[in-house]
């Protein structure tokens, strides 16, 4: 794609990067075939190619974002399926991130939009605040039908039936390896996940320790910054990221780290991009080191090797989170680990398509999100699974709200298969007899 940025514009590192990305696009349109919003809406401007044209026009002309551009950029899930499909290697993620930053700086949203985004930014990244908000939403959920705004209704419906108690495993501490130590890792405990489902981190800690890892819960660790980053709020996202970088580098320079383990793939995609986010910052070297250390939990488990187990008699439908399969290009590890542990794995039709969760997308674009959720659940249920496994809390909440098939995190199944407890989310399901004894 030909671009016409001025030499002065190209002195801005963000513009220079976007120019590089735009020039790699060859207009082929392969991305439209795998774009969820284009499939739902059928509008070229709601495809990656259409959004690229809008972003190019906005940035080249150095003009404030208009309502039309904002509408179509806001409808983007950032599922990044287009990046998996693109034969030219167009790095759409960095381009749409820049567009959102430009929109945040140049466009004044309607007051309701501003209020919603402010609330989400002030609540979701903070587990205690989020937990209180969930309690309020749980109380208000019976009255959701009275809400005049579909987004407010979606916020009330988000509250789980049961809000788990705080897990002290999420406090700053070090869990020693069981037996010989093979790795020393830091676990990112997440923010929303700590309020929505404490079983995931508990299972991750048990599993990693059993496989020979010292597990560090670093002091002062917080939100990865993804939520506000995708809102274009660069200052807030960089502040959150910088705190984590300093926290983890303190550990790395101390007793050392072999990996930063992330069991929420949406966070993992962002942390792995810290090196790019801070490329022109004094923290550049440390940020690059953190990105190098960052690994999805399935990557670490593949290195550690899960012991082979007998057939479990459980058919597991594996849902591939977009942030894992497209954002991090991790596609086989979770399935291979589950198969090794003795589970029968099935995949839904069109596994590359998003479930509609996408961070806060289900709260800000509820109509499109619900359509994508319905499509995803239909394809999962068509496989008649005993349960569903996924590697991202957002996907788990989204899918779990529309099906009676129980859903758990991949690590919960692997933890049970290697000697841990039966996942609490499967409490109503009879526990299979086949099980590997704890070593």
Protein backbone atom coordinates (compact mmCIF):
# COMPACT_ATOMS: atom_id res chain seq x y z
CA UNK A 1 0.00 0.00 0.00
CA UNK A 2 1.40 3.38 -0.99
CA UNK A 3 1.58 6.01 1.74
CA UNK A 4 2.22 9.75 1.69
CA UNK A 5 3.38 10.62 5.20
CA UNK A 6 5.60 13.69 5.29
CA UNK A 7 9.20 13.47 6.48
CA UNK A 8 8.18 15.50 9.51
CA UNK A 9 5.40 13.06 10.36
CA UNK A 10 7.81 10.15 10.09
CA UNK A 11 9.97 11.57 12.86
CA UNK A 12 7.22 10.35 15.23
CA UNK A 13 8.09 6.72 16.10
CA UNK A 14 4.42 5.75 16.24
CA UNK A 15 3.77 7.18 12.77
CA UNK A 16 6.93 5.55 11.44
CA UNK A 17 5.77 2.16 12.73
CA UNK A 18 2.27 2.60 11.31
CA UNK A 19 3.74 3.65 7.97
CA UNK A 20 5.81 0.47 7.91
CA UNK A 21 2.72 -1.63 8.64
CA UNK A 22 0.53 0.14 6.09
CA UNK A 23 3.12 -0.27 3.36
CA UNK A 24 3.19 -4.03 3.95
CA UNK A 25 -0.53 -4.37 3.13
CA UNK A 26 -1.23 -5.50 -0.46
CA UNK A 27 -5.06 -5.13 -0.40
CA UNK A 28 -5.50 -8.89 -0.93
CA UNK A 29 -8.54 -9.16 1.35
CA UNK A 30 -7.64 -12.56 2.79
CA UNK A 31 -8.28 -11.00 6.21
CA UNK A 32 -11.98 -10.51 5.49
CA UNK A 33 -12.53 -14.28 5.38
CA UNK A 34 -11.51 -14.72 9.03
CA UNK A 35 -12.75 -11.44 10.54
CA UNK A 36 -15.63 -12.12 12.96
CA UNK A 37 -17.17 -8.66 12.71
CA UNK A 38 -17.16 -8.75 8.92
CA UNK A 39 -18.90 -12.12 9.03
CA UNK A 40 -21.58 -10.76 11.36
CA UNK A 41 -22.05 -7.29 9.85
CA UNK A 42 -21.02 -7.76 6.20
CA UNK A 43 -19.60 -4.22 6.01
CA UNK A 44 -16.19 -3.77 4.37
CA UNK A 45 -15.40 -1.06 6.92
CA UNK A 46 -15.89 -3.67 9.63
CA UNK A 47 -13.10 -5.80 8.18
CA UNK A 48 -9.37 -5.37 8.78
CA UNK A 49 -8.84 -4.10 5.23
CA UNK A 50 -11.59 -1.51 5.62
CA UNK A 51 -10.29 -0.37 8.99
CA UNK A 52 -6.78 -0.10 7.56
CA UNK A 53 -8.08 2.35 4.94
CA UNK A 54 -9.82 4.41 7.62
CA UNK A 55 -6.71 4.47 9.81
CA UNK A 56 -4.46 5.38 6.88
CA UNK A 57 -6.67 8.32 5.91
CA UNK A 58 -6.89 9.56 9.50
CA UNK A 59 -3.17 9.34 10.24
CA UNK A 60 -1.85 10.55 6.88
CA UNK A 61 -4.01 13.65 7.02
CA UNK A 62 -3.18 14.15 10.69
CA UNK A 63 -6.82 14.87 11.39
CA UNK A 64 -8.93 14.30 14.48
CA UNK A 65 -10.88 11.07 14.45
CA UNK A 66 -14.46 11.38 13.25
CA UNK A 67 -17.54 9.46 14.40
CA UNK A 68 -17.50 7.12 11.40
CA UNK A 69 -13.90 6.03 11.97
CA UNK A 70 -14.46 5.65 15.70
CA UNK A 71 -17.52 3.45 15.16
CA UNK A 72 -15.69 0.96 12.98
CA UNK A 73 -12.50 0.91 15.06
CA UNK A 74 -14.56 0.40 18.23
CA UNK A 75 -16.23 -2.59 16.60
CA UNK A 76 -12.85 -4.30 16.14
CA UNK A 77 -12.39 -7.14 18.62
CA UNK A 78 -8.59 -7.12 18.36
CA UNK A 79 -8.92 -10.89 18.02
CA UNK A 80 -5.99 -10.73 15.56
CA UNK A 81 -7.32 -13.54 13.36
CA UNK A 82 -6.36 -11.27 10.49
CA UNK A 83 -2.70 -11.50 11.52
CA UNK A 84 -2.81 -15.30 11.40
CA UNK A 85 -4.38 -15.13 7.93
CA UNK A 86 -2.37 -12.32 6.33
CA UNK A 87 0.17 -13.64 3.79
CA UNK A 88 2.08 -10.33 3.89
CA UNK A 89 2.70 -10.20 7.63
CA UNK A 90 0.74 -7.00 8.27
CA UNK A 91 1.07 -6.31 12.01
CA UNK A 92 -2.49 -5.13 12.48
CA UNK A 93 -2.21 -5.14 16.29
CA UNK A 94 0.28 -2.29 16.43
CA UNK A 95 -1.66 -0.35 13.81
CA UNK A 96 -5.03 -0.54 15.55
CA UNK A 97 -3.37 0.23 18.91
CA UNK A 98 -1.97 3.43 17.37
CA UNK A 99 -5.38 4.28 15.92
CA UNK A 100 -7.03 3.88 19.32
CA UNK A 101 -4.42 6.11 20.92
CA UNK A 102 -5.05 8.75 18.25
CA UNK A 103 -8.81 8.48 18.80
CA UNK A 104 -8.39 8.90 22.55
CA UNK A 105 -6.36 12.08 22.02
CA UNK A 106 -8.48 13.70 19.30
CA UNK A 107 -12.10 12.55 19.67
CA UNK A 108 -14.60 13.54 22.34
CA UNK A 109 -17.02 10.68 22.90
CA UNK A 110 -20.63 11.07 24.02
CA UNK A 111 -20.89 11.42 27.78
CA UNK A 112 -22.31 7.93 28.29
CA UNK A 113 -19.37 6.39 26.45
CA UNK A 114 -16.91 8.43 28.48
CA UNK A 115 -18.63 7.45 31.73
CA UNK A 116 -18.64 3.75 30.86
CA UNK A 117 -14.98 3.74 29.89
CA UNK A 118 -14.05 5.65 33.04
CA UNK A 119 -15.88 3.12 35.23
CA UNK A 120 -14.27 0.15 33.50
CA UNK A 121 -10.80 1.67 33.78
CA UNK A 122 -11.32 2.48 37.46
CA UNK A 123 -12.77 -0.91 38.43
CA UNK A 124 -11.67 -3.90 36.35
CA UNK A 125 -7.86 -3.62 36.83
CA UNK A 126 -8.27 -3.57 40.62
CA UNK A 127 -9.38 -6.92 42.15
CA UNK A 128 -10.89 -5.46 45.34
CA UNK A 129 -12.88 -2.81 43.48
CA UNK A 130 -13.94 -5.36 40.89
CA UNK A 131 -15.06 -7.80 43.56
CA UNK A 132 -17.24 -5.09 45.17
CA UNK A 133 -18.64 -4.19 41.75
CA UNK A 134 -19.50 -7.85 41.11
CA UNK A 135 -21.36 -8.02 44.43
CA UNK A 136 -23.35 -4.94 43.42
CA UNK A 137 -24.03 -6.37 39.97
CA UNK A 138 -25.18 -9.66 41.50
CA UNK A 139 -27.72 -7.77 43.61
CA UNK A 140 -28.86 -5.71 40.63
CA UNK A 141 -28.97 -8.53 38.08
CA UNK A 142 -32.69 -9.34 38.60
CA UNK A 143 -33.43 -5.78 37.52
CA UNK A 144 -31.23 -5.83 34.40
CA UNK A 145 -34.29 -5.70 32.15
CA UNK A 146 -34.96 -2.18 33.44
CA UNK A 147 -31.62 -0.86 32.15
CA UNK A 148 -32.10 1.58 29.22
CA UNK A 149 -28.59 0.95 27.87
CA UNK A 150 -27.66 -2.54 26.59
CA UNK A 151 -24.13 -2.00 27.89
CA UNK A 152 -25.34 -1.46 31.45
CA UNK A 153 -27.46 -4.58 31.15
CA UNK A 154 -24.39 -6.51 29.97
CA UNK A 155 -22.44 -5.29 32.99
CA UNK A 156 -25.10 -6.61 35.37
CA UNK A 157 -25.31 -9.92 33.52
CA UNK A 158 -21.55 -10.35 33.80
CA UNK A 159 -21.71 -11.11 37.52
CA UNK A 160 -21.16 -14.83 38.20
CA UNK A 161 -23.70 -16.78 40.24
CA UNK A 162 -21.04 -17.33 42.89
CA UNK A 163 -18.25 -14.89 43.71
CA UNK A 164 -15.30 -16.82 45.16
CA UNK A 165 -13.62 -15.79 48.40
CA UNK A 166 -10.22 -14.13 48.20
CA UNK A 167 -7.38 -16.60 47.73
CA UNK A 168 -4.37 -15.92 49.92
CA UNK A 169 -2.27 -17.72 47.28
CA UNK A 170 -2.44 -14.47 45.32
CA UNK A 171 -0.54 -12.61 48.05
CA UNK A 172 3.16 -11.84 47.55
CA UNK A 173 5.17 -14.93 48.55
CA UNK A 174 7.28 -17.78 47.19
CA UNK A 175 5.98 -21.33 46.84
CA UNK A 176 8.91 -23.78 46.87
CA UNK A 177 9.18 -26.57 44.33
CA UNK A 178 8.16 -30.06 45.41
CA UNK A 179 11.24 -32.22 45.04
CA UNK A 180 14.18 -31.09 42.92
CA UNK A 181 13.91 -27.54 41.63
CA UNK A 182 13.97 -27.29 37.85
CA UNK A 183 12.86 -23.70 37.32
CA UNK A 184 12.21 -20.50 39.24
CA UNK A 185 9.22 -18.67 37.76
CA UNK A 186 7.09 -15.65 38.55
CA UNK A 187 3.34 -16.13 38.19
CA UNK A 188 1.22 -13.24 36.98
CA UNK A 189 -1.94 -13.54 39.06
CA UNK A 190 -4.02 -11.17 36.92
CA UNK A 191 -6.62 -8.69 38.08
CA UNK A 192 -10.13 -9.62 36.88
CA UNK A 193 -9.24 -13.30 37.20
CA UNK A 194 -8.45 -12.90 40.90
CA UNK A 195 -12.01 -11.69 41.47
CA UNK A 196 -13.85 -14.01 39.07
CA UNK A 197 -12.12 -17.37 39.53
CA UNK A 198 -9.46 -18.09 42.13
CA UNK A 199 -9.28 -21.80 41.21
CA UNK A 200 -7.10 -21.07 38.18
CA UNK A 201 -4.14 -19.57 40.01
CA UNK A 202 -4.45 -22.15 42.81
CA UNK A 203 -4.28 -24.99 40.27
CA UNK A 204 -1.40 -23.33 38.40
CA UNK A 205 0.67 -23.02 41.57
CA UNK A 206 0.06 -26.64 42.58
CA UNK A 207 0.89 -27.92 39.09
CA UNK A 208 4.07 -25.90 38.67
CA UNK A 209 5.35 -26.87 42.11
CA UNK A 210 4.63 -30.54 41.42
CA UNK A 211 6.68 -30.28 38.22
CA UNK A 212 9.67 -28.74 40.02
CA UNK A 213 9.14 -24.97 39.98
CA UNK A 214 9.66 -22.38 42.65
CA UNK A 215 6.66 -20.10 42.07
CA UNK A 216 7.14 -16.43 42.93
CA UNK A 217 4.16 -14.13 43.48
CA UNK A 218 6.01 -10.85 43.15
CA UNK A 219 5.32 -7.91 45.46
CA UNK A 220 3.61 -4.85 43.89
CA UNK A 221 2.62 -6.73 40.72
CA UNK A 222 -0.62 -5.43 39.20
CA UNK A 223 -2.70 -5.24 36.05
CA UNK A 224 -0.76 -5.81 32.82
CA UNK A 225 -2.28 -2.63 31.36
CA UNK A 226 -4.17 -4.37 28.55
CA UNK A 227 -7.59 -3.02 29.43
CA UNK A 228 -6.69 0.67 29.25
CA UNK A 229 -4.19 -0.02 26.45
CA UNK A 230 -7.03 -1.18 24.21
CA UNK A 231 -8.93 1.96 25.12
CA UNK A 232 -6.05 4.04 23.77
CA UNK A 233 -5.12 5.34 27.22
CA UNK A 234 -1.36 5.12 26.76
CA UNK A 235 -0.29 6.92 29.94
CA UNK A 236 -2.31 4.59 32.18
CA UNK A 237 -1.36 1.43 30.34
CA UNK A 238 2.34 2.32 30.35
CA UNK A 239 2.22 3.18 34.05
CA UNK A 240 0.72 -0.24 34.85
CA UNK A 241 3.23 -2.00 32.61
CA UNK A 242 6.19 -0.07 34.04
CA UNK A 243 5.28 -1.15 37.57
CA UNK A 244 5.26 -4.78 36.51
CA UNK A 245 8.53 -4.43 34.61
CA UNK A 246 10.27 -3.01 37.68
CA UNK A 247 8.73 -5.65 39.94
CA UNK A 248 9.75 -8.61 37.81
CA UNK A 249 13.21 -7.23 37.06
CA UNK A 250 13.81 -6.93 40.81
CA UNK A 251 13.21 -10.69 41.02
CA UNK A 252 15.25 -11.40 37.90
CA UNK A 253 18.22 -9.42 39.20
CA UNK A 254 17.86 -11.07 42.61
CA UNK A 255 17.54 -14.84 42.66
CA UNK A 256 16.77 -14.90 38.95
CA UNK A 257 13.78 -15.97 36.86
CA UNK A 258 13.51 -18.63 34.19
CA UNK A 259 10.09 -17.45 33.07
CA UNK A 260 7.18 -15.16 33.84
CA UNK A 261 4.19 -17.51 33.68
CA UNK A 262 0.87 -16.11 32.48
CA UNK A 263 -2.32 -18.16 32.61
CA UNK A 264 -4.60 -15.49 31.15
CA UNK A 265 -3.73 -15.30 27.48
CA UNK A 266 -5.11 -11.78 27.00
CA UNK A 267 -2.53 -10.56 29.52
CA UNK A 268 0.16 -12.69 27.91
CA UNK A 269 -0.24 -11.03 24.51
CA UNK A 270 0.24 -7.60 26.11
CA UNK A 271 3.19 -8.54 28.35
CA UNK A 272 4.97 -10.12 25.40
CA UNK A 273 4.58 -6.75 23.64
CA UNK A 274 6.16 -4.70 26.44
CA UNK A 275 9.40 -4.60 24.47
CA UNK A 276 7.62 -2.81 21.64
CA UNK A 277 5.59 -0.55 23.94
CA UNK A 278 8.76 0.70 25.68
CA UNK A 279 11.13 0.62 22.69
CA UNK A 280 11.80 4.37 22.99
CA UNK A 281 11.70 4.53 26.78
CA UNK A 282 14.49 4.40 29.39
CA UNK A 283 12.93 1.07 30.44
CA UNK A 284 13.46 -0.38 26.94
CA UNK A 285 16.11 -2.92 27.95
CA UNK A 286 14.18 -4.13 30.99
CA UNK A 287 10.92 -4.25 29.03
CA UNK A 288 12.56 -6.37 26.35
CA UNK A 289 13.86 -8.73 29.03
CA UNK A 290 10.37 -9.09 30.53
CA UNK A 291 8.90 -9.81 27.10
CA UNK A 292 11.59 -12.43 26.59
CA UNK A 293 10.74 -14.10 29.92
CA UNK A 294 6.96 -13.96 29.44
CA UNK A 295 5.45 -17.34 28.59
CA UNK A 296 1.96 -18.74 28.51
CA UNK A 297 1.55 -21.47 31.10
CA UNK A 298 1.17 -24.03 28.30
CA UNK A 299 4.62 -23.09 26.94
CA UNK A 300 6.20 -23.67 30.34
CA UNK A 301 4.38 -26.96 30.85
CA UNK A 302 5.53 -28.15 27.43
CA UNK A 303 9.12 -27.54 28.56
CA UNK A 304 8.60 -29.28 31.90
CA UNK A 305 6.81 -32.28 30.35
CA UNK A 306 3.48 -33.51 31.71
CA UNK A 307 3.58 -37.24 32.58
CA UNK A 308 1.54 -39.44 30.24
CA UNK A 309 -1.72 -40.61 31.77
CA UNK A 310 -4.35 -43.27 31.12
CA UNK A 311 -7.54 -42.57 29.19
CA UNK A 312 -9.72 -40.41 31.41
CA UNK A 313 -13.06 -41.20 29.78
CA UNK A 314 -13.69 -37.47 29.32
CA UNK A 315 -14.36 -35.73 26.00
CA UNK A 316 -13.01 -32.19 26.25
CA UNK A 317 -13.94 -29.51 23.72
CA UNK A 318 -10.93 -27.22 23.52
CA UNK A 319 -11.67 -23.55 22.89
CA UNK A 320 -8.68 -21.69 21.49
CA UNK A 321 -8.61 -18.16 22.89
CA UNK A 322 -7.82 -15.58 20.20
CA UNK A 323 -5.11 -13.97 22.30
CA UNK A 324 -3.41 -17.37 22.51
CA UNK A 325 -3.77 -18.72 18.98
CA UNK A 326 -3.52 -15.41 17.09
CA UNK A 327 -1.88 -12.99 19.52
CA UNK A 328 0.83 -15.42 20.66
CA UNK A 329 0.64 -18.01 17.88
CA UNK A 330 0.31 -20.83 20.42
CA UNK A 331 -1.96 -23.44 18.89
CA UNK A 332 -0.82 -26.96 19.70
CA UNK A 333 0.63 -26.87 23.24
CA UNK A 334 -2.66 -26.87 25.21
CA UNK A 335 -4.19 -29.64 23.09
CA UNK A 336 -1.03 -31.75 23.16
CA UNK A 337 -0.75 -31.42 26.95
CA UNK A 338 -4.36 -32.47 27.49
CA UNK A 339 -3.98 -35.44 25.13
CA UNK A 340 -0.82 -36.55 26.93
CA UNK A 341 -2.67 -36.40 30.24
CA UNK A 342 -5.32 -38.78 28.88
CA UNK A 343 -8.16 -36.55 27.75
CA UNK A 344 -10.03 -36.96 24.46
CA UNK A 345 -9.80 -33.60 22.68
CA UNK A 346 -12.31 -32.30 20.14
CA UNK A 347 -12.40 -28.89 18.47
CA UNK A 348 -15.40 -26.91 17.28
CA UNK A 349 -15.96 -25.86 13.70
CA UNK A 350 -14.21 -22.58 12.82
CA UNK A 351 -11.95 -22.67 15.90
CA UNK A 352 -10.18 -19.53 14.65
CA UNK A 353 -13.25 -17.35 15.27
CA UNK A 354 -13.66 -15.22 18.40
CA UNK A 355 -16.22 -16.00 21.11
CA UNK A 356 -16.98 -12.28 21.47
CA UNK A 357 -15.44 -11.69 24.89
CA UNK A 358 -12.31 -9.80 23.81
CA UNK A 359 -11.50 -8.04 27.07
CA UNK A 360 -14.26 -5.48 27.63
CA UNK A 361 -15.77 -5.89 24.17
CA UNK A 362 -18.72 -7.86 25.57
CA UNK A 363 -19.52 -4.84 27.75
CA UNK A 364 -19.02 -2.12 25.15
CA UNK A 365 -20.39 -3.90 22.07
CA UNK A 366 -22.94 -6.29 23.63
CA UNK A 367 -25.06 -6.94 20.51
CA UNK A 368 -22.17 -8.12 18.33
CA UNK A 369 -20.64 -9.96 21.28
CA UNK A 370 -23.84 -11.93 21.92
CA UNK A 371 -24.06 -13.00 18.29
CA UNK A 372 -20.47 -14.26 18.34
CA UNK A 373 -21.08 -16.00 21.67
CA UNK A 374 -24.12 -17.81 20.30
CA UNK A 375 -22.17 -18.98 17.25
CA UNK A 376 -19.25 -20.21 19.35
CA UNK A 377 -21.43 -22.06 21.86
CA UNK A 378 -23.38 -23.74 19.06
CA UNK A 379 -20.19 -25.12 17.51
CA UNK A 380 -18.85 -26.29 20.86
CA UNK A 381 -22.07 -28.01 21.90
CA UNK A 382 -22.27 -29.71 18.48
CA UNK A 383 -19.30 -31.84 19.58
CA UNK A 384 -21.30 -33.19 22.57
CA UNK A 385 -18.41 -32.72 25.00
CA UNK A 386 -18.39 -33.62 28.67
CA UNK A 387 -16.72 -30.29 29.39
CA UNK A 388 -15.00 -27.34 27.74
CA UNK A 389 -11.43 -26.21 28.38
CA UNK A 390 -9.93 -22.81 27.60
CA UNK A 391 -6.88 -20.77 28.53
CA UNK A 392 -8.41 -17.36 29.16
CA UNK A 393 -10.79 -16.20 31.90
CA UNK A 394 -12.68 -13.84 29.58
CA UNK A 395 -13.52 -16.67 27.18
CA UNK A 396 -14.51 -18.89 30.09
CA UNK A 397 -16.97 -16.31 31.44
CA UNK A 398 -18.36 -15.53 27.99
CA UNK A 399 -18.94 -19.13 26.92
CA UNK A 400 -19.98 -20.31 30.38
CA UNK A 401 -22.81 -17.76 30.47
CA UNK A 402 -24.54 -19.41 27.49
CA UNK A 403 -24.12 -23.16 28.00
CA UNK A 404 -24.80 -25.81 30.62
CA UNK A 405 -21.61 -27.65 29.63
CA UNK A 406 -19.10 -26.98 32.44
CA UNK A 407 -16.01 -25.00 31.49
CA UNK A 408 -12.61 -25.03 33.18
CA UNK A 409 -9.13 -23.71 32.56
CA UNK A 410 -6.68 -26.10 30.90
CA UNK A 411 -4.42 -26.05 33.97
CA UNK A 412 -7.25 -27.24 36.21
CA UNK A 413 -7.53 -30.46 34.21
CA UNK A 414 -3.76 -30.93 34.09
CA UNK A 415 -3.52 -30.31 37.82
CA UNK A 416 -6.12 -33.01 38.54
CA UNK A 417 -4.51 -35.44 36.10
CA UNK A 418 -1.17 -35.15 37.89
CA UNK A 419 -2.38 -35.51 41.46
CA UNK A 420 -4.36 -32.38 42.26
CA UNK A 421 -7.99 -32.05 43.36
CA UNK A 422 -11.00 -32.48 41.09
CA UNK A 423 -11.76 -28.99 39.65
CA UNK A 424 -14.43 -27.23 41.77
CA UNK A 425 -16.25 -26.14 38.60
CA UNK A 426 -16.87 -29.84 37.90
CA UNK A 427 -18.26 -30.60 41.35
CA UNK A 428 -21.60 -31.81 39.96
CA UNK A 429 -19.88 -34.14 37.47
CA UNK A 430 -18.91 -37.66 38.65
CA UNK A 431 -15.15 -37.95 38.94
CA UNK A 432 -13.73 -40.58 36.54
CA UNK A 433 -12.01 -43.54 38.10
CA UNK A 434 -8.81 -43.31 36.01
CA UNK A 435 -6.32 -41.00 37.67
CA UNK A 436 -2.58 -40.72 38.02
CA UNK A 437 -1.46 -40.81 41.63
CA UNK A 438 0.49 -37.83 42.89
CA UNK A 439 4.20 -38.36 42.67
